[in-house]
Every structure is written in C-alpha cells, then in structure tokens.
Amino acid sequence: MTVLLTGADGYLGWPTALRLADRVDERIVCVDDFSRRDWVAESGSVSATRVEEPEERFGRVENLSLVEGDLADRDFVLQLLDTHEPDTVLHAAAQPSAPYSSINGERALYTQRNNVSMTLNLLHGLHETGLSDTHFIETTTTGIYGAPHFPIPEGGLEVDRKGGTDEVPFPAMGGSWYHQTKSFDAANMRLAESQFEFPMSEVRTAIVYGTETAETRAHESPTRFDFDYYFGTVVNRFCAQAVAGYPITVYGKGEQRKPMVSLEDAVESLVRLVEEGHSGDDGIDVYNQVTRPIAIVELAETIAEVGAEFDLDAEVKHYENPREEDEEHKMEMENERFLDLVGGQRQELEAGIRDVLGTLVEERDRIAAHEDRFLPGVLTDE
C-alpha cells in the first residue's frame, strides 16, 4: 500500500508527512521540487524556523521516500504514478500565495499554469495508468468561495429558481489569481470524477495557524514558517510583528471574520481522510477545513494578550484600509463534515498562538533582521 504526498516540503505538507509516517502502515512517497524555498528567497525573506536541507530532512525519517520533480511536467507525473502505483494521492502542492500571484501578469500566468497543470496531470495520469481505485485528495482553499452574505455550504449549493430546484457547484468567487486556480481545480475534479469515476475528496483549507505538532517535536524537525508579505498569512505576520516589537497592523476596523483552523486540526483531518478513505457516496466529498471564523481584530488582540506571557509588549494599531472589502463581513461557513472527520476541534486559537509565539521568540533576531519584509518591496514587475 502506498500514499503519494505532493508538496511534502511545505508548511502543511511536512507535519502531515511525519504523522503519516508515524501512524499509517503504508509506504509514504513524498514529492516536491522545493520551489517554495526559492519563492521566499526571491521575496528577500526566510523561514522563521530553521529548516534542514531536503536530503537531511527526509533522509532521517525511516519510512519516508523522497522524489524530487515538477508535477507540471506531464511525463514526470506519468512515470511517477506508473512506478509507485499509489492507493492514495494527497495533493498539497501549489503556488499558494495570493499576493505573489498578483504582482504582475508574469506571476499570475505562472501561478495558474503551475497549479492547474499539476492537478490536471495527476487526474489524467491516474486514469491513463489504470489506477481507477486510487483515492485522489486535494487541498484547495476556502478562498474560492469569496465572501457571500449567507452561510457557505460544505459541498454543493441548493438553488431554487422559478419553481425548479437543484444542487449546483458553488460559484467561483476567488479574490486573486491564486484563488482562481483552486476554483479551476475544483471544476476540473468534478469533470474528471464524472468521466473517470475514481474516488475524490476536496479539502477546502482555511487560514492555518500553528508551528508545531507532536511529530515535529518528536523528530526535532520543525515545519517552515513564513512571515513576509507574500508568503506569510495574516496570523504569521501578526505573530512575527509582535515578536519583532513591530506594531500589529490591522487595516481599518478589522471586524471582518476570516475562516481559520489550527495546524494540528488540519494535519489530523488529512491523515484521517487517508486512513478512512472516500465515503463511498456518489460525487466528490467536500470538506470545509475550518473550525471557526475569527475577526481580524480578535486575532490581533489575542496575539497581544498571549504575547504578554512571553514579555512581549505588542501593540495593536489600526491603519487606513488600502483594500476594498466589507470590514464587517461575518463569514458563516458550514463545517459539520470536517468536524466529524477530525473528531472535534483539537486546538483552540489561544493555544495555537501560544505555540507560535513560543517558537518565534527563540528566533527573534532572525525575524527582526527581516522585518522590512512585512511589507512589499523586493519583487518587481521586471
């Protein structure tokens, strides 16, 4: 039995690889081309945590095998699938940054070609190599939903129009060139499921917070933690700002809520999905990988409060919002299927922030040396 994990060198991929290695009695084949390391270096930044070189990182975990390669290369994917014949493909590889994808047309095109090509190559590759029973799981993003003013379903959208009713795919309303790639992936998965008929699950991942899992601690091998403008999430940037003595910058009122999930909950749900497999129901199993939406100002204030435990004098400051957005949007999102999968929330926001700050205070000088990366300025249109 073989699990193929793509994007295994990433923030979510690495702790997932370690948990799979420790818990799943199957061969774990990890695939990555390590582009994330290059993108962050291009932005003039570093991971706050010190991450080993790939050979060292993967080489000291007994039942992980590493394959370096580009999933946007169709020939590579066909050879990969034909050689390893995975029973499960957990696809977590992508260029994941909305700001990076929005720098210019070149990077928008790269992001869309890269992300969509990888997924299409895997879907067609599974079909063409005859792996019709392989469970294909992809982590996409809750960002494909946009910000509708009604509860977001976990799956299709019930539509009642002029006397007729049906369930239709949720409309793609992603707010960046990156988010739209995941909308394309969701549509391509639906088409592939109807034509190829192998089991598929889509895990729509929220903003993830956290730095450690039991496995990263046990293996003494932290996952990466990006805090720069392009690759650091709002949680990462706020925590790094607090550690560096930089004001926690909230745009506008900050009352809009964003979907969030802890690293622990995200990893556990993916591993359980590998263990339990597809539900067996018709169609694609869709999970909203979110525990609850959190207001940006609540996030900032929580970081400041927990920061006091680490003798951080973090100050929350509000600045004029440069973005056009509803600053009071409440973001309601159904997540019953996800909570059933993960067995209930395993880590609350405050505990997750405590983990993050506990890790980052040990790297205060490293973060402070790159605090200018909290704002854009290195990457150009050239």
Protein backbone atom coordinates (compact mmCIF):
# COMPACT_ATOMS: atom_id res chain seq x y z
CA MET A 1 0.00 0.00 0.00
CA THR A 2 1.37 3.42 -0.98
CA VAL A 3 0.43 7.01 -0.19
CA LEU A 4 1.73 9.68 -2.58
CA LEU A 5 2.02 13.06 -0.83
CA THR A 6 2.74 16.10 -3.02
CA GLY A 7 4.05 19.35 -1.58
CA ALA A 8 5.63 17.35 1.24
CA ASP A 9 8.27 20.02 1.94
CA GLY A 10 5.64 22.69 2.65
CA TYR A 11 4.20 24.21 5.80
CA LEU A 12 1.26 21.79 5.90
CA GLY A 13 2.94 19.03 3.91
CA TRP A 14 5.87 18.35 6.26
CA PRO A 15 3.93 17.73 9.52
CA THR A 16 1.42 15.70 7.50
CA ALA A 17 4.26 13.57 6.12
CA LEU A 18 5.59 12.96 9.63
CA ARG A 19 2.19 11.96 11.01
CA LEU A 20 1.56 9.65 8.08
CA ALA A 21 4.99 8.09 8.61
CA ASP A 22 4.34 7.54 12.33
CA ARG A 23 0.76 6.31 12.05
CA VAL A 24 -0.12 4.87 8.68
CA ASP A 25 1.15 1.38 7.93
CA GLU A 26 1.84 2.20 4.30
CA ARG A 27 4.72 3.41 2.17
CA ILE A 28 4.83 7.21 2.03
CA VAL A 29 6.25 8.64 -1.21
CA CYS A 30 6.91 12.38 -0.83
CA VAL A 31 7.12 14.60 -3.91
CA ASP A 32 8.35 18.20 -4.11
CA ASP A 33 10.52 20.40 -6.31
CA PHE A 34 11.26 22.80 -3.40
CA SER A 35 10.03 25.86 -5.28
CA ARG A 36 8.61 27.36 -2.07
CA ARG A 37 12.15 27.79 -0.76
CA ASP A 38 13.09 29.68 -3.94
CA TRP A 39 9.96 31.89 -3.93
CA VAL A 40 10.56 33.03 -0.36
CA ALA A 41 14.24 33.71 -1.08
CA GLU A 42 13.13 35.71 -4.13
CA SER A 43 10.98 37.83 -1.83
CA GLY A 44 14.06 38.65 0.25
CA SER A 45 12.90 36.66 3.26
CA VAL A 46 13.47 33.40 5.14
CA SER A 47 11.50 30.89 7.15
CA ALA A 48 11.45 31.99 10.79
CA THR A 49 12.10 28.39 11.76
CA ARG A 50 15.38 26.89 10.62
CA VAL A 51 14.53 24.17 8.12
CA GLU A 52 17.01 21.46 7.17
CA GLU A 53 18.08 20.81 3.61
CA PRO A 54 15.72 18.34 1.89
CA GLU A 55 18.10 15.39 1.85
CA GLU A 56 18.71 15.67 5.60
CA ARG A 57 15.06 16.37 6.42
CA PHE A 58 13.57 13.41 4.57
CA GLY A 59 16.56 11.10 4.92
CA ARG A 60 16.29 10.68 8.68
CA VAL A 61 12.66 9.53 8.72
CA GLU A 62 12.71 5.81 8.11
CA ASN A 63 9.57 5.17 6.06
CA LEU A 64 9.52 8.38 4.00
CA SER A 65 10.94 8.26 0.50
CA LEU A 66 11.59 11.47 -1.42
CA VAL A 67 11.13 12.05 -5.15
CA GLU A 68 12.21 15.44 -6.48
CA GLY A 69 10.33 16.60 -9.55
CA ASP A 70 7.94 19.05 -11.18
CA LEU A 71 4.30 17.93 -11.21
CA ALA A 72 3.60 20.41 -14.01
CA ASP A 73 5.71 18.10 -16.19
CA ARG A 74 3.29 15.54 -17.62
CA ASP A 75 5.96 12.93 -18.43
CA PHE A 76 7.31 13.10 -14.88
CA VAL A 77 3.84 12.57 -13.42
CA LEU A 78 3.08 9.57 -15.65
CA GLN A 79 6.39 7.94 -14.71
CA LEU A 80 5.80 8.73 -11.02
CA LEU A 81 2.35 7.12 -10.96
CA ASP A 82 3.37 4.15 -13.09
CA THR A 83 6.36 3.43 -10.84
CA HIS A 84 4.71 3.79 -7.41
CA GLU A 85 1.05 2.87 -8.15
CA PRO A 86 -0.33 4.78 -5.15
CA ASP A 87 -3.51 3.74 -3.40
CA THR A 88 -3.99 7.33 -2.21
CA VAL A 89 -2.77 10.61 -3.71
CA LEU A 90 -2.81 13.51 -1.23
CA HIS A 91 -2.17 16.56 -3.40
CA ALA A 92 -0.99 19.52 -1.32
CA ALA A 93 1.43 21.10 -3.82
CA ALA A 94 0.73 24.58 -5.19
CA GLN A 95 1.99 28.11 -5.52
CA PRO A 96 -0.18 29.23 -2.57
CA SER A 97 0.27 33.00 -2.34
CA ALA A 98 -2.41 35.43 -3.46
CA PRO A 99 -0.04 38.45 -3.17
CA TYR A 100 2.67 36.68 -5.18
CA SER A 101 0.19 35.78 -7.91
CA SER A 102 -0.94 39.42 -8.08
CA ILE A 103 2.47 41.09 -8.53
CA ASN A 104 2.21 41.16 -12.31
CA GLY A 105 0.94 39.25 -15.31
CA GLU A 106 4.01 37.04 -15.47
CA ARG A 107 3.49 35.67 -11.98
CA ALA A 108 -0.27 35.40 -12.43
CA LEU A 109 0.32 33.27 -15.53
CA TYR A 110 2.98 31.19 -13.80
CA THR A 111 0.69 30.54 -10.83
CA GLN A 112 -2.21 29.45 -12.99
CA ARG A 113 -0.12 27.31 -15.34
CA ASN A 114 1.72 25.69 -12.45
CA ASN A 115 -1.25 24.91 -10.21
CA VAL A 116 -3.78 23.87 -12.83
CA SER A 117 -1.23 21.81 -14.77
CA MET A 118 -0.22 19.83 -11.68
CA THR A 119 -3.78 18.84 -10.86
CA LEU A 120 -4.69 18.00 -14.46
CA ASN A 121 -1.56 15.90 -14.84
CA LEU A 122 -2.39 13.91 -11.72
CA LEU A 123 -6.05 13.40 -12.67
CA HIS A 124 -5.31 12.28 -16.22
CA GLY A 125 -2.27 10.36 -15.06
CA LEU A 126 -4.32 8.25 -12.66
CA HIS A 127 -6.77 7.49 -15.47
CA GLU A 128 -4.12 6.72 -18.09
CA THR A 129 -2.09 4.45 -15.80
CA GLY A 130 -5.20 2.47 -14.87
CA LEU A 131 -5.28 3.46 -11.18
CA SER A 132 -9.08 3.61 -11.13
CA ASP A 133 -9.42 2.78 -7.42
CA THR A 134 -6.91 5.36 -6.17
CA HIS A 135 -8.38 7.91 -3.75
CA PHE A 136 -7.46 11.39 -5.00
CA ILE A 137 -7.47 14.05 -2.26
CA GLU A 138 -6.67 17.69 -2.97
CA THR A 139 -6.25 20.54 -0.51
CA THR A 140 -7.74 23.63 -2.13
CA THR A 141 -8.84 26.75 -0.21
CA THR A 142 -11.88 28.34 1.38
CA GLY A 143 -10.84 31.40 -0.62
CA ILE A 144 -12.64 30.07 -3.70
CA TYR A 145 -15.93 30.98 -2.00
CA GLY A 146 -15.30 34.71 -1.86
CA ALA A 147 -17.37 36.46 0.80
CA PRO A 148 -21.08 35.79 0.22
CA HIS A 149 -23.65 37.12 2.67
CA PHE A 150 -25.15 33.73 3.50
CA PRO A 151 -23.85 30.53 5.14
CA ILE A 152 -21.40 28.75 2.85
CA PRO A 153 -22.30 25.07 2.34
CA GLU A 154 -19.96 22.12 2.64
CA GLY A 155 -20.41 20.87 -0.90
CA GLY A 156 -22.98 21.96 -3.48
CA LEU A 157 -25.35 24.90 -3.32
CA GLU A 158 -29.10 24.28 -3.24
CA VAL A 159 -30.76 26.55 -5.81
CA ASP A 160 -34.50 27.20 -6.04
CA ARG A 161 -35.36 29.15 -9.17
CA LYS A 162 -38.70 29.68 -10.88
CA GLY A 163 -40.25 26.56 -9.47
CA GLY A 164 -37.27 24.26 -10.02
CA THR A 165 -34.62 23.14 -7.56
CA ASP A 166 -31.20 21.56 -7.97
CA GLU A 167 -27.81 21.29 -6.32
CA VAL A 168 -25.14 23.16 -8.27
CA PRO A 169 -21.44 23.80 -7.67
CA PHE A 170 -20.75 26.86 -5.54
CA PRO A 171 -19.92 29.80 -7.84
CA ALA A 172 -16.19 30.57 -8.07
CA MET A 173 -15.63 33.97 -6.47
CA GLY A 174 -11.95 33.82 -5.57
CA GLY A 175 -10.33 37.18 -4.96
CA SER A 176 -6.91 36.54 -6.52
CA TRP A 177 -5.25 34.80 -9.45
CA TYR A 178 -4.10 32.13 -6.99
CA HIS A 179 -7.57 31.51 -5.55
CA GLN A 180 -8.96 31.17 -9.04
CA THR A 181 -6.55 28.29 -9.73
CA LYS A 182 -8.25 26.35 -6.97
CA SER A 183 -11.62 27.19 -8.48
CA PHE A 184 -10.34 25.70 -11.75
CA ASP A 185 -9.08 22.65 -9.87
CA ALA A 186 -12.48 22.11 -8.25
CA ALA A 187 -14.21 22.32 -11.63
CA ASN A 188 -11.66 20.01 -13.25
CA MET A 189 -12.07 17.49 -10.43
CA ARG A 190 -15.84 17.47 -10.98
CA LEU A 191 -15.35 16.82 -14.69
CA ALA A 192 -12.74 14.13 -14.04
CA GLU A 193 -14.98 12.40 -11.48
CA SER A 194 -17.82 12.24 -13.99
CA GLN A 195 -15.55 10.80 -16.72
CA PHE A 196 -13.02 8.69 -14.85
CA GLU A 197 -15.13 7.65 -11.84
CA PHE A 198 -12.38 7.20 -9.27
CA PRO A 199 -12.96 8.36 -5.66
CA MET A 200 -12.14 12.01 -4.96
CA SER A 201 -12.17 14.29 -1.93
CA GLU A 202 -11.62 18.03 -1.82
CA VAL A 203 -10.44 19.65 1.41
CA ARG A 204 -11.01 23.40 1.31
CA THR A 205 -8.40 24.73 3.72
CA ALA A 206 -8.84 27.90 5.77
CA ILE A 207 -6.05 30.14 7.12
CA VAL A 208 -3.86 27.79 9.16
CA TYR A 209 -2.18 28.82 12.43
CA GLY A 210 0.46 26.94 14.40
CA THR A 211 4.11 25.90 14.29
CA GLU A 212 4.33 22.50 15.94
CA THR A 213 2.72 19.08 16.10
CA ALA A 214 3.68 16.14 18.31
CA GLU A 215 5.60 14.70 15.36
CA THR A 216 7.65 17.81 14.54
CA ARG A 217 8.65 17.96 18.21
CA ALA A 218 9.45 14.24 18.42
CA HIS A 219 11.56 14.34 15.25
CA GLU A 220 13.06 17.72 16.24
CA SER A 221 12.24 18.85 12.72
CA PRO A 222 10.06 21.98 12.58
CA THR A 223 7.90 22.89 9.64
CA ARG A 224 8.63 26.12 7.79
CA PHE A 225 7.06 29.39 8.99
CA ASP A 226 6.91 32.27 6.52
CA PHE A 227 6.14 35.77 7.79
CA ASP A 228 6.86 38.00 4.79
CA TYR A 229 4.19 39.95 2.92
CA TYR A 230 3.99 37.46 0.05
CA PHE A 231 4.01 34.08 1.79
CA GLY A 232 3.15 34.79 5.41
CA THR A 233 -0.54 34.58 6.30
CA VAL A 234 -2.15 37.28 8.43
CA VAL A 235 -1.63 35.08 11.51
CA ASN A 236 2.06 34.60 10.73
CA ARG A 237 2.69 38.29 10.07
CA PHE A 238 0.88 39.43 13.21
CA CYS A 239 2.82 36.97 15.39
CA ALA A 240 6.15 37.90 13.80
CA GLN A 241 5.36 41.60 14.23
CA ALA A 242 4.69 41.03 17.93
CA VAL A 243 7.98 39.20 18.40
CA ALA A 244 9.96 41.83 16.47
CA GLY A 245 8.49 44.69 18.51
CA TYR A 246 6.65 45.95 15.45
CA PRO A 247 3.03 47.19 15.78
CA ILE A 248 0.40 44.60 14.89
CA THR A 249 -1.07 46.27 11.83
CA VAL A 250 -4.85 45.98 11.50
CA TYR A 251 -6.32 47.56 8.39
CA GLY A 252 -9.49 49.52 9.10
CA LYS A 253 -11.78 48.28 11.85
CA GLY A 254 -10.71 44.67 11.38
CA GLU A 255 -14.13 43.35 12.27
CA GLN A 256 -14.38 41.16 9.18
CA ARG A 257 -14.12 37.47 10.07
CA LYS A 258 -11.81 35.06 8.28
CA PRO A 259 -12.03 31.24 8.36
CA MET A 260 -9.22 29.68 10.38
CA VAL A 261 -8.01 26.26 11.51
CA SER A 262 -5.08 25.12 13.62
CA LEU A 263 -2.15 23.24 12.12
CA GLU A 264 -2.97 20.34 14.46
CA ASP A 265 -6.57 20.11 13.23
CA ALA A 266 -5.55 20.46 9.59
CA VAL A 267 -2.93 17.70 9.79
CA GLU A 268 -5.15 15.33 11.76
CA SER A 269 -8.04 15.68 9.33
CA LEU A 270 -5.82 14.91 6.31
CA VAL A 271 -4.31 11.84 7.94
CA ARG A 272 -7.75 10.57 8.97
CA LEU A 273 -9.01 11.08 5.44
CA VAL A 274 -6.14 8.95 4.16
CA GLU A 275 -6.91 6.30 6.78
CA GLU A 276 -10.70 6.26 6.32
CA GLY A 277 -10.85 6.79 2.56
CA HIS A 278 -13.71 8.12 0.48
CA SER A 279 -17.22 7.96 1.92
CA GLY A 280 -18.44 5.78 -0.95
CA ASP A 281 -21.21 8.25 -1.78
CA ASP A 282 -21.65 9.47 -5.34
CA GLY A 283 -19.64 12.52 -6.29
CA ILE A 284 -16.76 14.32 -4.61
CA ASP A 285 -16.56 14.51 -0.83
CA VAL A 286 -16.08 18.19 0.08
CA TYR A 287 -14.79 19.29 3.49
CA ASN A 288 -14.61 22.88 4.73
CA GLN A 289 -11.40 22.60 6.75
CA VAL A 290 -12.24 25.35 9.22
CA THR A 291 -13.05 25.31 12.91
CA ARG A 292 -14.45 28.83 13.13
CA PRO A 293 -14.24 32.26 11.52
CA ILE A 294 -12.24 34.76 13.57
CA ALA A 295 -12.35 38.57 13.33
CA ILE A 296 -9.02 40.14 12.35
CA VAL A 297 -9.13 42.45 15.36
CA GLU A 298 -9.87 39.48 17.66
CA LEU A 299 -6.86 37.70 16.21
CA ALA A 300 -4.63 40.74 16.80
CA GLU A 301 -5.86 41.24 20.36
CA THR A 302 -5.41 37.53 21.17
CA ILE A 303 -1.81 37.68 19.92
CA ALA A 304 -1.17 40.76 22.06
CA GLU A 305 -2.69 39.10 25.15
CA VAL A 306 -0.79 35.83 24.74
CA GLY A 307 2.33 37.83 23.89
CA ALA A 308 2.34 39.26 27.40
CA GLU A 309 3.08 35.72 28.67
CA PHE A 310 6.35 35.96 26.73
CA ASP A 311 7.13 39.51 27.92
CA LEU A 312 6.17 40.93 24.55
CA ASP A 313 4.78 44.46 24.63
CA ALA A 314 2.70 44.02 21.50
CA GLU A 315 0.62 47.00 20.41
CA VAL A 316 -2.39 46.69 18.11
CA LYS A 317 -2.63 49.65 15.72
CA HIS A 318 -5.34 50.38 13.19
CA TYR A 319 -4.40 51.84 9.82
CA GLU A 320 -6.47 53.08 6.90
CA ASN A 321 -7.58 50.07 4.91
CA PRO A 322 -5.99 50.07 1.42
CA ARG A 323 -8.30 47.25 0.31
CA GLU A 324 -11.85 47.41 -0.95
CA GLU A 325 -13.63 44.97 1.38
CA ASP A 326 -16.59 44.70 3.71
CA GLU A 327 -14.97 45.40 7.09
CA GLU A 328 -17.91 43.90 8.97
CA HIS A 329 -18.39 40.70 6.97
CA LYS A 330 -19.27 37.83 9.33
CA MET A 331 -18.28 34.83 7.16
CA GLU A 332 -20.58 31.95 8.05
CA MET A 333 -19.34 28.56 6.89
CA GLU A 334 -20.78 25.09 7.42
CA ASN A 335 -18.20 22.56 8.65
CA GLU A 336 -20.09 19.57 10.12
CA ARG A 337 -18.45 17.02 7.81
CA PHE A 338 -14.98 18.36 8.63
CA LEU A 339 -15.59 18.32 12.40
CA ASP A 340 -16.87 14.75 12.16
CA LEU A 341 -13.72 13.79 10.25
CA VAL A 342 -11.29 15.39 12.71
CA GLY A 343 -13.28 14.30 15.78
CA GLY A 344 -13.98 17.82 17.05
CA GLN A 345 -11.65 20.78 17.37
CA ARG A 346 -8.32 19.73 18.87
CA GLN A 347 -6.65 23.11 19.38
CA GLU A 348 -8.22 26.48 20.15
CA LEU A 349 -6.89 29.77 18.80
CA GLU A 350 -5.23 30.87 22.05
CA ALA A 351 -3.33 27.58 22.43
CA GLY A 352 -2.23 27.73 18.80
CA ILE A 353 -0.96 31.29 19.18
CA ARG A 354 0.90 30.24 22.33
CA ASP A 355 2.68 27.56 20.29
CA VAL A 356 3.57 30.05 17.57
CA LEU A 357 4.94 32.70 19.90
CA GLY A 358 6.84 30.10 21.91
CA THR A 359 8.60 29.08 18.71
CA LEU A 360 9.17 32.57 17.34
CA VAL A 361 10.66 34.19 20.45
CA GLU A 362 13.59 31.79 20.00
CA GLU A 363 14.12 33.31 16.55
CA ARG A 364 13.59 36.97 17.46
CA ASP A 365 16.84 38.18 15.88
CA ARG A 366 16.19 36.23 12.67
CA ILE A 367 12.75 37.82 12.32
CA ALA A 368 13.90 41.32 13.28
CA ALA A 369 16.61 41.13 10.60
CA HIS A 370 13.85 40.70 8.01
CA GLU A 371 11.12 42.89 9.50
CA ASP A 372 11.15 45.04 6.37
CA ARG A 373 9.58 42.01 4.64
CA PHE A 374 6.31 42.62 6.50
CA LEU A 375 5.57 45.00 3.61
CA PRO A 376 6.04 44.51 -0.15
CA GLY A 377 9.07 45.97 -1.81
CA VAL A 378 11.61 43.44 -3.12
CA LEU A 379 9.82 41.77 -6.01
CA THR A 380 9.37 44.00 -9.06
CA ASP A 381 7.48 43.94 -12.35
CA GLU A 382 10.67 43.11 -14.23
